[in-house]
């Protein structure tokens, strides 16, 4: 592994760590306090700020992908070397896993007070949803959930390409992470009801893998009609579609 690639992987790891430690942290605070310390709006805002902070940490090295769907879309549409897609994705998943561990350790006593030490995926004392996303009972895995993740991630990637396109109306220098964070806020406030707007395979799989090994067991993969694969495959497809739509309607016209 070259020194340059190592530097990039460390940046993606730390940027994703920052994103997830704040994002999962706010959900833990809201759920474990039984909404005494926050609500759905605070979750939306904190996730947006978490994205912005993660971007500020890593943007100078990699541009702050923090999301395998973004990395794949950039390989398809912006000539990112294909050899970087898998290493970046693994670094992002690892960052999300470690961040999940930090949130768990920090909130361990609050978690025990909430569920009595019995880790449950669903129900009144279910806590797996603090870390990973799960669908509403009415949502089908396919096509409902799959479409949900495609739409959310297509909006994310398509608008990111518009925001970061120097030929377009790019934000002032140094403010792009804030604008991208606001984009995540608006996606959460408009498309978060069905399944929690994962729109990022690393954001969902890293924390889900953590819950699997930390006491919630295999139910984290079987719950929601084996939901776990949807926040992985759906965003990867949606990101590529979002990039194609931006280029077809705007990017190729500039």
Protein backbone atom coordinates (compact mmCIF):
# COMPACT_ATOMS: atom_id res chain seq x y z
CA UNK A 1 0.00 0.00 0.00
CA UNK A 2 1.42 3.38 -0.98
CA UNK A 3 1.96 6.16 1.53
CA UNK A 4 -0.53 8.33 -0.37
CA UNK A 5 -3.29 5.70 -0.20
CA UNK A 6 -2.59 5.13 3.50
CA UNK A 7 -2.98 8.84 4.12
CA UNK A 8 -6.29 8.85 2.27
CA UNK A 9 -7.63 5.80 4.11
CA UNK A 10 -6.77 7.31 7.48
CA UNK A 11 -8.63 10.48 6.50
CA UNK A 12 -11.71 8.53 5.39
CA UNK A 13 -11.59 6.48 8.58
CA UNK A 14 -11.41 9.54 10.85
CA UNK A 15 -13.95 11.57 8.87
CA UNK A 16 -16.46 8.71 9.00
CA UNK A 17 -15.69 8.17 12.67
CA UNK A 18 -16.58 11.80 13.41
CA UNK A 19 -19.75 11.53 11.32
CA UNK A 20 -20.97 8.40 13.09
CA UNK A 21 -19.90 9.24 16.64
CA UNK A 22 -22.05 12.38 16.54
CA UNK A 23 -24.86 10.87 14.45
CA UNK A 24 -25.32 7.70 16.49
CA UNK A 25 -24.64 9.70 19.63
CA UNK A 26 -27.64 11.97 19.10
CA UNK A 27 -29.93 8.99 18.49
CA UNK A 28 -28.66 7.37 21.69
CA UNK A 29 -29.37 10.55 23.64
CA UNK A 30 -32.90 10.90 22.28
CA UNK A 31 -33.86 7.23 22.67
CA UNK A 32 -32.27 6.55 26.05
CA UNK A 33 -33.65 9.77 27.55
CA UNK A 34 -37.08 8.82 26.19
CA UNK A 35 -37.07 12.09 24.23
CA UNK A 36 -36.42 14.19 27.31
CA UNK A 37 -33.17 15.33 25.68
CA UNK A 38 -34.11 15.81 22.04
CA UNK A 39 -36.57 14.71 19.41
CA UNK A 40 -36.66 13.84 15.70
CA UNK A 41 -35.74 17.39 14.68
CA UNK A 42 -32.64 17.36 16.87
CA UNK A 43 -31.65 14.07 15.24
CA UNK A 44 -31.97 15.63 11.78
CA UNK A 45 -29.94 18.69 12.74
CA UNK A 46 -27.25 16.72 14.55
CA UNK A 47 -26.78 14.31 11.63
CA UNK A 48 -26.34 17.28 9.30
CA UNK A 49 -23.80 18.85 11.63
CA UNK A 50 -22.09 15.48 11.99
CA UNK A 51 -21.66 15.29 8.22
CA UNK A 52 -20.24 18.82 8.17
CA UNK A 53 -17.75 18.04 10.97
CA UNK A 54 -16.68 14.81 9.28
CA UNK A 55 -16.13 16.69 6.04
CA UNK A 56 -14.03 19.37 7.73
CA UNK A 57 -11.83 16.69 9.27
CA UNK A 58 -11.05 14.85 6.03
CA UNK A 59 -11.87 17.05 3.03
CA UNK A 60 -8.33 18.34 2.56
CA UNK A 61 -7.03 14.83 1.93
CA UNK A 62 -9.78 12.97 0.05
CA UNK A 63 -12.58 15.45 -0.50
CA UNK A 64 -14.46 13.70 2.33
CA UNK A 65 -16.43 10.86 0.76
CA UNK A 66 -17.43 9.28 4.11
CA UNK A 67 -19.84 7.07 2.19
CA UNK A 68 -19.25 4.12 -0.18
CA UNK A 69 -22.16 5.33 -2.33
CA UNK A 70 -20.35 8.64 -2.87
CA UNK A 71 -17.07 6.84 -3.56
CA UNK A 72 -18.70 4.54 -6.13
CA UNK A 73 -20.50 7.44 -7.81
CA UNK A 74 -17.24 9.37 -8.12
CA UNK A 75 -15.58 6.34 -9.69
CA UNK A 76 -18.42 6.04 -12.21
CA UNK A 77 -18.88 9.73 -12.97
CA UNK A 78 -15.72 11.60 -11.91
CA UNK A 79 -12.83 9.26 -12.79
CA UNK A 80 -11.88 8.32 -9.25
CA UNK A 81 -9.50 5.34 -9.66
CA UNK A 82 -11.48 2.12 -9.29
CA UNK A 83 -8.71 0.68 -7.16
CA UNK A 84 -9.65 3.10 -4.40
CA UNK A 85 -13.33 2.16 -4.17
CA UNK A 86 -12.97 -0.95 -1.99
CA UNK A 87 -10.19 0.40 0.30
CA UNK A 88 -12.10 3.65 0.87
CA UNK A 89 -15.29 1.71 1.62
CA UNK A 90 -13.55 -0.57 4.12
CA UNK A 91 -11.97 2.43 5.85
CA UNK A 92 -15.38 4.09 6.09
CA UNK A 93 -17.00 0.96 7.53
CA UNK A 94 -14.16 0.61 10.04
CA UNK A 95 -14.56 4.23 11.11
CA UNK A 96 -18.28 3.68 11.61
CA UNK A 97 -17.66 0.51 13.64
CA UNK A 98 -15.17 2.18 15.97
CA UNK A 99 -17.44 5.21 16.41
CA UNK A 100 -20.28 2.84 17.35
CA UNK A 101 -18.05 1.32 20.00
CA UNK A 102 -17.29 4.75 21.47
CA UNK A 103 -21.00 5.62 21.67
CA UNK A 104 -21.75 2.26 23.30
CA UNK A 105 -19.05 2.69 25.94
CA UNK A 106 -20.11 6.26 26.65
CA UNK A 107 -23.80 5.40 27.00
CA UNK A 108 -23.37 1.93 28.48
CA UNK A 109 -24.89 2.75 31.86
CA UNK A 110 -27.76 4.70 30.32
CA UNK A 111 -28.38 1.74 28.02
CA UNK A 112 -28.55 -0.61 30.99
CA UNK A 113 -30.97 1.69 32.80
CA UNK A 114 -33.18 1.75 29.70
CA UNK A 115 -33.36 -1.96 28.90
CA UNK A 116 -32.25 -3.63 32.12
CA UNK A 117 -29.21 -5.11 30.41
CA UNK A 118 -31.24 -7.17 27.94
CA UNK A 119 -30.32 -6.10 24.42
CA UNK A 120 -33.42 -6.04 22.23
CA UNK A 121 -33.72 -5.18 18.55
CA UNK A 122 -37.36 -4.10 18.49
CA UNK A 123 -40.21 -3.34 20.86
CA UNK A 124 -40.66 -0.74 23.58
CA UNK A 125 -37.15 -1.37 24.88
CA UNK A 126 -35.53 -2.03 21.54
CA UNK A 127 -32.21 -0.25 21.17
CA UNK A 128 -30.60 -1.68 18.02
CA UNK A 129 -32.16 1.20 16.10
CA UNK A 130 -29.83 3.59 17.92
CA UNK A 131 -27.02 2.24 15.77
CA UNK A 132 -28.51 0.97 12.50
CA UNK A 133 -31.67 1.70 10.55
CA UNK A 134 -34.80 -0.46 10.48
CA UNK A 135 -37.94 -0.08 8.36
CA UNK A 136 -41.41 0.89 9.52
CA UNK A 137 -43.71 -2.16 9.85
CA UNK A 138 -45.66 -1.13 6.76
CA UNK A 139 -42.60 -0.83 4.49
CA UNK A 140 -41.80 -3.68 2.14
CA UNK A 141 -38.17 -4.64 1.70
CA UNK A 142 -38.63 -4.61 -2.06
CA UNK A 143 -39.71 -2.52 -3.79
CA UNK A 144 -40.68 -0.05 -1.02
CA UNK A 145 -37.50 0.05 1.03
CA UNK A 146 -35.23 -0.36 -1.96
CA UNK A 147 -36.86 2.59 -3.71
CA UNK A 148 -36.67 4.62 -0.49
CA UNK A 149 -32.89 4.20 -0.32
CA UNK A 150 -32.38 4.80 -4.03
CA UNK A 151 -34.34 8.07 -3.93
CA UNK A 152 -32.64 9.39 -0.80
CA UNK A 153 -29.13 8.60 -2.00
CA UNK A 154 -29.77 9.83 -5.55
CA UNK A 155 -30.81 13.16 -4.06
CA UNK A 156 -27.73 13.17 -1.84
CA UNK A 157 -25.19 12.42 -4.56
CA UNK A 158 -26.87 14.45 -7.32
CA UNK A 159 -27.02 17.58 -5.19
CA UNK A 160 -23.48 17.04 -3.85
CA UNK A 161 -22.20 16.99 -7.43
CA UNK A 162 -24.03 20.25 -8.04
CA UNK A 163 -22.70 21.83 -4.84
CA UNK A 164 -19.09 20.82 -5.56
CA UNK A 165 -19.12 21.60 -9.30
CA UNK A 166 -16.78 24.57 -9.74
CA UNK A 167 -18.47 25.36 -13.07
CA UNK A 168 -21.77 25.79 -11.27
CA UNK A 169 -22.66 28.14 -8.40
CA UNK A 170 -20.21 26.67 -5.89
CA UNK A 171 -20.38 27.82 -2.24
CA UNK A 172 -17.71 30.21 -0.91
CA UNK A 173 -14.40 28.60 -0.06
CA UNK A 174 -14.52 26.61 3.17
CA UNK A 175 -18.31 26.48 3.42
CA UNK A 176 -19.04 23.40 1.31
CA UNK A 177 -19.22 21.04 4.32
CA UNK A 178 -21.90 23.24 5.90
CA UNK A 179 -23.96 23.20 2.72
CA UNK A 180 -23.63 19.43 2.40
CA UNK A 181 -24.65 19.12 6.04
CA UNK A 182 -27.78 21.17 5.33
CA UNK A 183 -28.51 18.81 2.44
CA UNK A 184 -28.48 15.87 4.86
CA UNK A 185 -30.78 17.78 7.23
CA UNK A 186 -33.35 18.36 4.49
CA UNK A 187 -33.19 14.73 3.33
CA UNK A 188 -33.81 13.59 6.90
CA UNK A 189 -36.70 15.99 7.35
CA UNK A 190 -38.37 14.90 4.10
CA UNK A 191 -37.43 11.26 3.52
CA UNK A 192 -36.61 9.88 6.97
CA UNK A 193 -39.97 8.39 7.93
CA UNK A 194 -39.90 5.12 6.00
CA UNK A 195 -36.62 3.72 7.24
CA UNK A 196 -34.41 6.33 8.86
CA UNK A 197 -32.54 7.64 5.76
CA UNK A 198 -29.33 5.61 5.98
CA UNK A 199 -28.28 6.73 2.45
CA UNK A 200 -24.81 5.43 3.28
CA UNK A 201 -23.75 1.76 3.38
CA UNK A 202 -20.93 2.44 5.86
CA UNK A 203 -23.22 4.43 8.15
CA UNK A 204 -25.56 1.45 8.39
CA UNK A 205 -23.40 -1.65 8.04
CA UNK A 206 -20.58 -0.60 10.38
CA UNK A 207 -22.91 0.12 13.31
CA UNK A 208 -25.08 -2.93 12.49
CA UNK A 209 -22.00 -5.15 12.57
CA UNK A 210 -21.11 -3.61 15.92
CA UNK A 211 -24.53 -4.47 17.39
CA UNK A 212 -24.15 -8.01 16.10
CA UNK A 213 -20.98 -8.56 18.13
CA UNK A 214 -21.99 -6.39 21.12
CA UNK A 215 -24.96 -8.38 22.34
CA UNK A 216 -27.91 -7.90 20.02
CA UNK A 217 -27.05 -11.02 18.01
CA UNK A 218 -28.14 -12.23 14.61
CA UNK A 219 -31.56 -10.57 14.88
CA UNK A 220 -29.97 -7.33 13.67
CA UNK A 221 -29.63 -9.02 10.26
CA UNK A 222 -32.97 -10.81 10.17
CA UNK A 223 -35.21 -8.04 11.53
CA UNK A 224 -37.45 -6.16 9.12
CA UNK A 225 -37.62 -9.11 6.70
CA UNK A 226 -33.83 -9.29 6.40
CA UNK A 227 -33.62 -5.53 5.92
CA UNK A 228 -29.84 -5.28 6.37
CA UNK A 229 -28.91 -5.49 2.68
CA UNK A 230 -31.25 -2.69 1.56
CA UNK A 231 -29.22 0.20 3.11
CA UNK A 232 -26.16 -1.24 1.35
CA UNK A 233 -27.36 -2.01 -2.16
CA UNK A 234 -29.99 0.72 -2.42
CA UNK A 235 -27.57 3.60 -1.74
CA UNK A 236 -24.95 2.20 -4.12
CA UNK A 237 -27.52 2.11 -6.91
CA UNK A 238 -29.03 5.46 -5.93
CA UNK A 239 -25.68 7.24 -5.87
CA UNK A 240 -24.86 6.19 -9.42
CA UNK A 241 -28.34 7.24 -10.57
CA UNK A 242 -28.05 10.61 -8.84
CA UNK A 243 -24.74 11.31 -10.55
CA UNK A 244 -26.16 10.37 -13.93
CA UNK A 245 -29.18 12.64 -13.44
CA UNK A 246 -27.05 15.63 -12.45
CA UNK A 247 -24.73 15.22 -15.42
CA UNK A 248 -27.57 14.58 -17.87
CA UNK A 249 -29.55 17.67 -16.87
CA UNK A 250 -26.84 20.12 -15.73
CA UNK A 251 -23.26 18.89 -15.56
CA UNK A 252 -22.95 18.11 -19.25
CA UNK A 253 -24.55 21.46 -20.12
CA UNK A 254 -21.98 23.56 -18.32
